[in-house]
Amino acid sequence: MIEMFAWLSVHPTCADEDTLPPEHEQQIMNQVSEILWQSGCGIKLQHMNGQTYIQTAYAANHRSAETDALIDTYRRIAETASGSYGVLYLRDDEDPLHDNDMQVYKFRRGTVTHGIEQAFSPCIPKLEDASAAAQSGG
C-alpha cells in the first residue's frame, strides 16, 4: 500500500522577491506550470491569501510510475523555484528498505533531502498494531 501526503509553498526565489525582475519571476512560474503540465499527475497551482502552493493526497495498492512521477514533480518544482519549501510524506509497505517507515522528503532552498520521520517510524507499532498472523508467527 502506498500513502502519500505532500505540500509545497511555491516561491520563485529565496532572495527578496521585490528585487527579482517581474519578467524573471514570470519565467520561473512559467517553468513551474510547464513541469506540472508535463507530469500528467493532475496537480494544479493553487492560490490562497496571495500565496501559491501545490498539495497532493495519494493512495494506491502498489508503487507505480505515477508514485515516482509525483515525487519527481515536487522535486523539479522545488529545484526550479528555489524559494519553495514543503514536505512529502510517503509510506510504502513494499519498499525493501523502508517497509515499516514513514519516509519524508523535505524541500527547501532548491534542495531535496530524504529521510525517515521518527515520530511515525516504525509504523508498527507507532501507527498501527501488527497483524494477528504476524504476531503468532504464521
N, C-alpha and C. Protein backbone atom coordinates (compact mmCIF):
# COMPACT_ATOMS: atom_id res chain seq x y z
N MET A 1 0.84 -1.18 0.00
CA MET A 1 0.00 0.00 0.00
C MET A 1 0.89 1.23 0.00
N ILE A 2 0.51 2.19 -0.81
CA ILE A 2 1.21 3.48 -0.87
C ILE A 2 0.30 4.54 -0.28
N GLU A 3 0.84 5.33 0.61
CA GLU A 3 0.17 6.53 1.11
C GLU A 3 1.13 7.69 0.92
N MET A 4 0.65 8.79 0.36
CA MET A 4 1.49 9.96 0.15
C MET A 4 0.68 11.22 0.46
N PHE A 5 1.29 12.10 1.22
CA PHE A 5 0.70 13.39 1.54
C PHE A 5 1.79 14.44 1.37
N ALA A 6 1.51 15.46 0.57
CA ALA A 6 2.56 16.43 0.25
C ALA A 6 1.99 17.83 0.11
N TRP A 7 2.82 18.82 0.44
CA TRP A 7 2.50 20.22 0.14
C TRP A 7 3.81 20.96 -0.15
N LEU A 8 3.69 21.96 -0.98
CA LEU A 8 4.84 22.77 -1.34
C LEU A 8 4.37 24.21 -1.53
N SER A 9 4.93 25.11 -0.76
CA SER A 9 4.68 26.54 -0.94
C SER A 9 5.65 27.01 -2.02
N VAL A 10 5.11 27.49 -3.14
CA VAL A 10 5.92 27.76 -4.33
C VAL A 10 6.33 29.24 -4.37
N HIS A 11 7.65 29.46 -4.34
CA HIS A 11 8.23 30.81 -4.39
C HIS A 11 9.38 30.80 -5.39
N PRO A 12 9.43 31.75 -6.30
CA PRO A 12 10.45 31.74 -7.34
C PRO A 12 11.89 31.77 -6.83
N THR A 13 12.13 32.42 -5.69
CA THR A 13 13.50 32.60 -5.23
C THR A 13 13.55 32.66 -3.71
N CYS A 14 14.75 32.39 -3.16
CA CYS A 14 14.99 32.54 -1.72
C CYS A 14 15.25 34.00 -1.37
N ALA A 15 15.67 34.75 -2.36
CA ALA A 15 16.02 36.17 -2.14
C ALA A 15 14.74 36.99 -1.98
N ASP A 16 14.91 38.23 -1.65
CA ASP A 16 13.79 39.16 -1.55
C ASP A 16 13.11 39.23 -2.92
N GLU A 17 11.87 38.78 -2.99
CA GLU A 17 11.17 38.73 -4.27
C GLU A 17 10.96 40.12 -4.88
N ASP A 18 11.02 41.15 -4.05
CA ASP A 18 10.87 42.51 -4.58
C ASP A 18 12.08 42.92 -5.43
N THR A 19 13.21 42.22 -5.27
CA THR A 19 14.40 42.55 -6.05
C THR A 19 14.48 41.73 -7.35
N LEU A 20 13.59 40.78 -7.50
CA LEU A 20 13.57 39.94 -8.70
C LEU A 20 12.79 40.65 -9.80
N PRO A 21 13.38 40.84 -10.97
CA PRO A 21 12.63 41.48 -12.05
C PRO A 21 11.35 40.68 -12.36
N PRO A 22 10.23 41.37 -12.55
CA PRO A 22 8.96 40.67 -12.78
C PRO A 22 9.01 39.66 -13.92
N GLU A 23 9.75 39.98 -14.98
CA GLU A 23 9.82 39.04 -16.10
C GLU A 23 10.57 37.76 -15.72
N HIS A 24 11.55 37.87 -14.81
CA HIS A 24 12.28 36.69 -14.35
C HIS A 24 11.36 35.84 -13.47
N GLU A 25 10.62 36.48 -12.59
CA GLU A 25 9.67 35.76 -11.74
C GLU A 25 8.64 35.04 -12.61
N GLN A 26 8.13 35.71 -13.63
CA GLN A 26 7.15 35.10 -14.52
C GLN A 26 7.74 33.92 -15.28
N GLN A 27 9.01 34.05 -15.69
CA GLN A 27 9.68 32.96 -16.39
C GLN A 27 9.76 31.72 -15.50
N ILE A 28 10.12 31.91 -14.24
CA ILE A 28 10.21 30.79 -13.30
C ILE A 28 8.84 30.15 -13.10
N MET A 29 7.82 30.97 -12.91
CA MET A 29 6.48 30.43 -12.69
C MET A 29 5.96 29.73 -13.95
N ASN A 30 6.36 30.21 -15.13
CA ASN A 30 6.00 29.52 -16.37
C ASN A 30 6.67 28.14 -16.42
N GLN A 31 7.91 28.07 -15.97
CA GLN A 31 8.62 26.79 -15.92
C GLN A 31 7.91 25.83 -14.96
N VAL A 32 7.46 26.36 -13.82
CA VAL A 32 6.72 25.54 -12.85
C VAL A 32 5.44 25.00 -13.50
N SER A 33 4.71 25.86 -14.18
CA SER A 33 3.48 25.43 -14.86
C SER A 33 3.78 24.36 -15.90
N GLU A 34 4.89 24.49 -16.60
CA GLU A 34 5.28 23.51 -17.61
C GLU A 34 5.62 22.17 -16.96
N ILE A 35 6.30 22.20 -15.82
CA ILE A 35 6.62 20.97 -15.09
C ILE A 35 5.32 20.26 -14.69
N LEU A 36 4.36 21.02 -14.19
CA LEU A 36 3.08 20.42 -13.79
C LEU A 36 2.36 19.82 -14.99
N TRP A 37 2.35 20.54 -16.09
CA TRP A 37 1.67 20.06 -17.30
C TRP A 37 2.33 18.78 -17.81
N GLN A 38 3.67 18.78 -17.88
CA GLN A 38 4.40 17.62 -18.38
C GLN A 38 4.23 16.39 -17.50
N SER A 39 4.03 16.60 -16.21
CA SER A 39 3.95 15.47 -15.28
C SER A 39 2.73 14.60 -15.54
N GLY A 40 1.65 15.21 -15.99
CA GLY A 40 0.42 14.45 -16.21
C GLY A 40 -0.21 13.94 -14.93
N CYS A 41 0.22 14.45 -13.79
CA CYS A 41 -0.27 13.97 -12.49
C CYS A 41 -1.55 14.65 -12.02
N GLY A 42 -1.98 15.68 -12.74
CA GLY A 42 -3.20 16.38 -12.34
C GLY A 42 -3.01 17.39 -11.23
N ILE A 43 -1.77 17.67 -10.86
CA ILE A 43 -1.51 18.68 -9.82
C ILE A 43 -1.67 20.06 -10.44
N LYS A 44 -2.33 20.93 -9.73
CA LYS A 44 -2.55 22.29 -10.22
C LYS A 44 -2.04 23.30 -9.20
N LEU A 45 -1.51 24.41 -9.70
CA LEU A 45 -1.14 25.50 -8.81
C LEU A 45 -2.41 26.04 -8.15
N GLN A 46 -2.32 26.29 -6.87
CA GLN A 46 -3.44 26.85 -6.13
C GLN A 46 -2.96 28.16 -5.49
N HIS A 47 -3.91 29.01 -5.19
CA HIS A 47 -3.58 30.31 -4.61
C HIS A 47 -4.48 30.56 -3.40
N MET A 48 -3.85 31.00 -2.32
CA MET A 48 -4.59 31.32 -1.11
C MET A 48 -3.87 32.45 -0.39
N ASN A 49 -4.60 33.50 -0.10
CA ASN A 49 -4.06 34.63 0.65
C ASN A 49 -2.78 35.17 0.01
N GLY A 50 -2.76 35.21 -1.32
CA GLY A 50 -1.61 35.76 -2.03
C GLY A 50 -0.43 34.81 -2.18
N GLN A 51 -0.58 33.57 -1.72
CA GLN A 51 0.49 32.59 -1.80
C GLN A 51 0.14 31.52 -2.83
N THR A 52 1.16 31.00 -3.51
CA THR A 52 0.98 29.93 -4.48
C THR A 52 1.49 28.63 -3.86
N TYR A 53 0.73 27.56 -4.04
CA TYR A 53 1.14 26.29 -3.46
C TYR A 53 0.57 25.14 -4.28
N ILE A 54 1.08 23.94 -4.00
CA ILE A 54 0.51 22.71 -4.51
C ILE A 54 0.35 21.77 -3.33
N GLN A 55 -0.59 20.86 -3.46
CA GLN A 55 -0.77 19.84 -2.43
C GLN A 55 -1.29 18.57 -3.07
N THR A 56 -0.96 17.45 -2.45
CA THR A 56 -1.33 16.15 -3.00
C THR A 56 -1.63 15.18 -1.87
N ALA A 57 -2.71 14.44 -2.04
CA ALA A 57 -3.01 13.26 -1.22
C ALA A 57 -3.19 12.12 -2.20
N TYR A 58 -2.48 11.03 -1.98
CA TYR A 58 -2.46 9.94 -2.97
C TYR A 58 -2.39 8.61 -2.23
N ALA A 59 -3.15 7.63 -2.73
CA ALA A 59 -3.09 6.28 -2.18
C ALA A 59 -3.25 5.29 -3.34
N ALA A 60 -2.51 4.19 -3.26
CA ALA A 60 -2.58 3.15 -4.29
C ALA A 60 -2.21 1.82 -3.66
N ASN A 61 -2.59 0.75 -4.31
CA ASN A 61 -2.27 -0.58 -3.78
C ASN A 61 -0.78 -0.91 -3.87
N HIS A 62 -0.12 -0.41 -4.93
CA HIS A 62 1.30 -0.71 -5.15
C HIS A 62 1.99 0.52 -5.73
N ARG A 63 3.29 0.60 -5.50
CA ARG A 63 4.07 1.68 -6.10
C ARG A 63 4.06 1.53 -7.61
N SER A 64 3.95 2.67 -8.28
CA SER A 64 3.86 2.65 -9.74
C SER A 64 4.65 3.83 -10.29
N ALA A 65 4.63 3.95 -11.61
CA ALA A 65 5.28 5.10 -12.25
C ALA A 65 4.64 6.40 -11.78
N GLU A 66 3.35 6.37 -11.49
CA GLU A 66 2.67 7.58 -11.02
C GLU A 66 3.22 8.05 -9.67
N THR A 67 3.50 7.10 -8.78
CA THR A 67 4.09 7.43 -7.48
C THR A 67 5.40 8.18 -7.69
N ASP A 68 6.26 7.62 -8.52
CA ASP A 68 7.57 8.23 -8.77
C ASP A 68 7.43 9.56 -9.50
N ALA A 69 6.43 9.67 -10.39
CA ALA A 69 6.20 10.93 -11.11
C ALA A 69 5.77 12.03 -10.14
N LEU A 70 4.97 11.71 -9.16
CA LEU A 70 4.56 12.71 -8.17
C LEU A 70 5.76 13.22 -7.38
N ILE A 71 6.59 12.30 -6.90
CA ILE A 71 7.79 12.69 -6.14
C ILE A 71 8.70 13.54 -7.02
N ASP A 72 8.91 13.11 -8.25
CA ASP A 72 9.78 13.84 -9.17
C ASP A 72 9.22 15.23 -9.49
N THR A 73 7.92 15.35 -9.61
CA THR A 73 7.30 16.65 -9.88
C THR A 73 7.57 17.63 -8.75
N TYR A 74 7.39 17.19 -7.52
CA TYR A 74 7.69 18.05 -6.37
C TYR A 74 9.17 18.44 -6.37
N ARG A 75 10.04 17.46 -6.64
CA ARG A 75 11.49 17.73 -6.66
C ARG A 75 11.84 18.77 -7.71
N ARG A 76 11.32 18.59 -8.92
CA ARG A 76 11.64 19.51 -10.03
C ARG A 76 11.14 20.92 -9.74
N ILE A 77 9.97 21.04 -9.18
CA ILE A 77 9.46 22.38 -8.86
C ILE A 77 10.31 23.03 -7.78
N ALA A 78 10.66 22.27 -6.74
CA ALA A 78 11.49 22.83 -5.66
C ALA A 78 12.85 23.27 -6.17
N GLU A 79 13.41 22.55 -7.13
CA GLU A 79 14.70 22.94 -7.69
C GLU A 79 14.58 24.13 -8.63
N THR A 80 13.48 24.23 -9.35
CA THR A 80 13.28 25.32 -10.31
C THR A 80 12.93 26.62 -9.62
N ALA A 81 12.02 26.56 -8.67
CA ALA A 81 11.60 27.74 -7.90
C ALA A 81 12.28 27.62 -6.53
N SER A 82 13.50 28.11 -6.44
CA SER A 82 14.39 27.82 -5.30
C SER A 82 13.91 28.37 -3.96
N GLY A 83 12.93 29.24 -3.95
CA GLY A 83 12.39 29.73 -2.68
C GLY A 83 11.28 28.86 -2.13
N SER A 84 10.95 27.80 -2.86
CA SER A 84 9.87 26.91 -2.44
C SER A 84 10.29 26.08 -1.23
N TYR A 85 9.30 25.72 -0.43
CA TYR A 85 9.56 24.86 0.72
C TYR A 85 8.33 24.01 1.01
N GLY A 86 8.57 22.83 1.56
CA GLY A 86 7.47 21.94 1.90
C GLY A 86 7.97 20.55 2.23
N VAL A 87 7.02 19.62 2.37
CA VAL A 87 7.35 18.24 2.71
C VAL A 87 6.47 17.28 1.92
N LEU A 88 6.98 16.07 1.76
CA LEU A 88 6.23 14.97 1.17
C LEU A 88 6.44 13.77 2.06
N TYR A 89 5.35 13.22 2.59
CA TYR A 89 5.41 12.02 3.42
C TYR A 89 4.99 10.83 2.57
N LEU A 90 5.74 9.74 2.67
CA LEU A 90 5.47 8.55 1.88
C LEU A 90 5.57 7.31 2.76
N ARG A 91 4.52 6.51 2.69
CA ARG A 91 4.55 5.19 3.34
C ARG A 91 4.36 4.15 2.24
N ASP A 92 5.32 3.25 2.14
CA ASP A 92 5.31 2.20 1.11
C ASP A 92 5.65 0.89 1.81
N ASP A 93 4.63 0.08 2.11
CA ASP A 93 4.86 -1.15 2.87
C ASP A 93 5.53 -2.25 2.05
N GLU A 94 5.81 -1.99 0.78
CA GLU A 94 6.53 -2.96 -0.05
C GLU A 94 7.97 -2.53 -0.34
N ASP A 95 8.37 -1.38 0.18
CA ASP A 95 9.73 -0.90 -0.03
C ASP A 95 10.70 -1.82 0.73
N PRO A 96 11.68 -2.42 0.05
CA PRO A 96 12.56 -3.38 0.71
C PRO A 96 13.41 -2.77 1.84
N LEU A 97 13.68 -1.47 1.77
CA LEU A 97 14.49 -0.83 2.81
C LEU A 97 13.66 -0.11 3.87
N HIS A 98 12.45 0.34 3.50
CA HIS A 98 11.66 1.19 4.40
C HIS A 98 10.22 0.73 4.53
N ASP A 99 9.99 -0.59 4.54
CA ASP A 99 8.62 -1.11 4.56
C ASP A 99 7.86 -0.77 5.84
N ASN A 100 8.56 -0.43 6.91
CA ASN A 100 7.90 -0.11 8.18
C ASN A 100 8.22 1.32 8.61
N ASP A 101 8.57 2.16 7.64
CA ASP A 101 8.95 3.54 7.94
C ASP A 101 8.04 4.52 7.21
N MET A 102 7.87 5.68 7.82
CA MET A 102 7.28 6.82 7.13
C MET A 102 8.46 7.63 6.60
N GLN A 103 8.57 7.68 5.27
CA GLN A 103 9.65 8.43 4.65
C GLN A 103 9.22 9.90 4.51
N VAL A 104 10.20 10.78 4.56
CA VAL A 104 9.90 12.20 4.39
C VAL A 104 10.91 12.82 3.43
N TYR A 105 10.38 13.54 2.47
CA TYR A 105 11.19 14.35 1.56
C TYR A 105 10.98 15.80 1.99
N LYS A 106 12.07 16.51 2.22
CA LYS A 106 11.99 17.92 2.62
C LYS A 106 12.54 18.77 1.49
N PHE A 107 11.78 19.78 1.14
CA PHE A 107 12.13 20.67 0.04
C PHE A 107 12.39 22.05 0.62
N ARG A 108 13.57 22.57 0.39
CA ARG A 108 13.89 23.93 0.87
C ARG A 108 15.13 24.44 0.14
N ARG A 109 15.05 25.73 -0.24
CA ARG A 109 16.17 26.44 -0.85
C ARG A 109 16.75 25.70 -2.07
N GLY A 110 15.87 25.12 -2.87
CA GLY A 110 16.30 24.47 -4.10
C GLY A 110 16.89 23.09 -3.93
N THR A 111 16.83 22.53 -2.72
CA THR A 111 17.38 21.20 -2.48
C THR A 111 16.31 20.28 -1.93
N VAL A 112 16.57 18.98 -2.07
CA VAL A 112 15.66 17.95 -1.58
C VAL A 112 16.47 17.01 -0.71
N THR A 113 15.96 16.74 0.49
CA THR A 113 16.58 15.72 1.34
C THR A 113 15.55 14.63 1.60
N HIS A 114 16.03 13.44 1.83
CA HIS A 114 15.18 12.29 2.07
C HIS A 114 15.60 11.65 3.38
N GLY A 115 14.63 11.27 4.20
CA GLY A 115 14.94 10.62 5.46
C GLY A 115 13.72 9.88 6.00
N ILE A 116 13.80 9.52 7.25
CA ILE A 116 12.74 8.79 7.93
C ILE A 116 12.13 9.71 8.98
N GLU A 117 10.82 9.79 9.01
CA GLU A 117 10.11 10.60 10.01
C GLU A 117 10.04 9.78 11.31
N GLN A 118 10.85 10.18 12.28
CA GLN A 118 10.97 9.42 13.52
C GLN A 118 9.67 9.38 14.33
N ALA A 119 8.86 10.42 14.24
CA ALA A 119 7.63 10.46 15.02
C ALA A 119 6.63 9.39 14.57
N PHE A 120 6.74 8.91 13.33
CA PHE A 120 5.82 7.92 12.79
C PHE A 120 6.49 6.58 12.48
N SER A 121 7.78 6.47 12.73
CA SER A 121 8.51 5.24 12.39
C SER A 121 9.13 4.64 13.64
N PRO A 122 9.11 3.33 13.77
CA PRO A 122 8.50 2.40 12.84
C PRO A 122 6.97 2.51 12.87
N CYS A 123 6.36 2.35 11.70
CA CYS A 123 4.90 2.50 11.59
C CYS A 123 4.18 1.51 12.50
N ILE A 124 4.71 0.29 12.57
CA ILE A 124 4.22 -0.68 13.55
C ILE A 124 5.29 -0.73 14.62
N PRO A 125 5.04 -0.29 15.83
CA PRO A 125 3.76 -0.10 16.49
C PRO A 125 3.31 1.35 16.66
N LYS A 126 4.03 2.34 16.10
CA LYS A 126 3.67 3.73 16.38
C LYS A 126 2.34 4.14 15.77
N LEU A 127 2.00 3.61 14.58
CA LEU A 127 0.75 3.99 13.92
C LEU A 127 -0.31 2.90 13.96
N GLU A 128 0.11 1.67 13.95
CA GLU A 128 -0.86 0.57 13.96
C GLU A 128 -0.24 -0.63 14.64
N ASP A 129 -1.10 -1.58 15.00
CA ASP A 129 -0.65 -2.83 15.62
C ASP A 129 -0.26 -3.82 14.54
N ALA A 130 0.64 -4.73 14.89
CA ALA A 130 0.99 -5.81 13.98
C ALA A 130 -0.23 -6.71 13.79
N SER A 131 -0.33 -7.33 12.62
CA SER A 131 -1.45 -8.24 12.36
C SER A 131 -1.35 -9.45 13.28
N ALA A 132 -2.49 -10.09 13.55
CA ALA A 132 -2.53 -11.27 14.41
C ALA A 132 -1.67 -12.38 13.83
N ALA A 133 -1.68 -12.56 12.51
CA ALA A 133 -0.88 -13.61 11.86
C ALA A 133 0.60 -13.38 12.09
N ALA A 134 1.02 -12.13 11.97
CA ALA A 134 2.45 -11.82 12.17
C ALA A 134 2.84 -12.02 13.63
N GLN A 135 1.95 -11.70 14.56
CA GLN A 135 2.24 -11.85 15.98
C GLN A 135 2.36 -13.32 16.38
N SER A 136 1.57 -14.19 15.72
CA SER A 136 1.58 -15.61 16.06
C SER A 136 2.66 -16.37 15.30
N GLY A 137 3.34 -15.66 14.37
CA GLY A 137 4.41 -16.29 13.61
C GLY A 137 3.91 -17.07 12.41
N GLY A 138 2.66 -16.89 12.00
CA GLY A 138 2.20 -17.65 10.85
C GLY A 138 1.23 -16.89 10.11
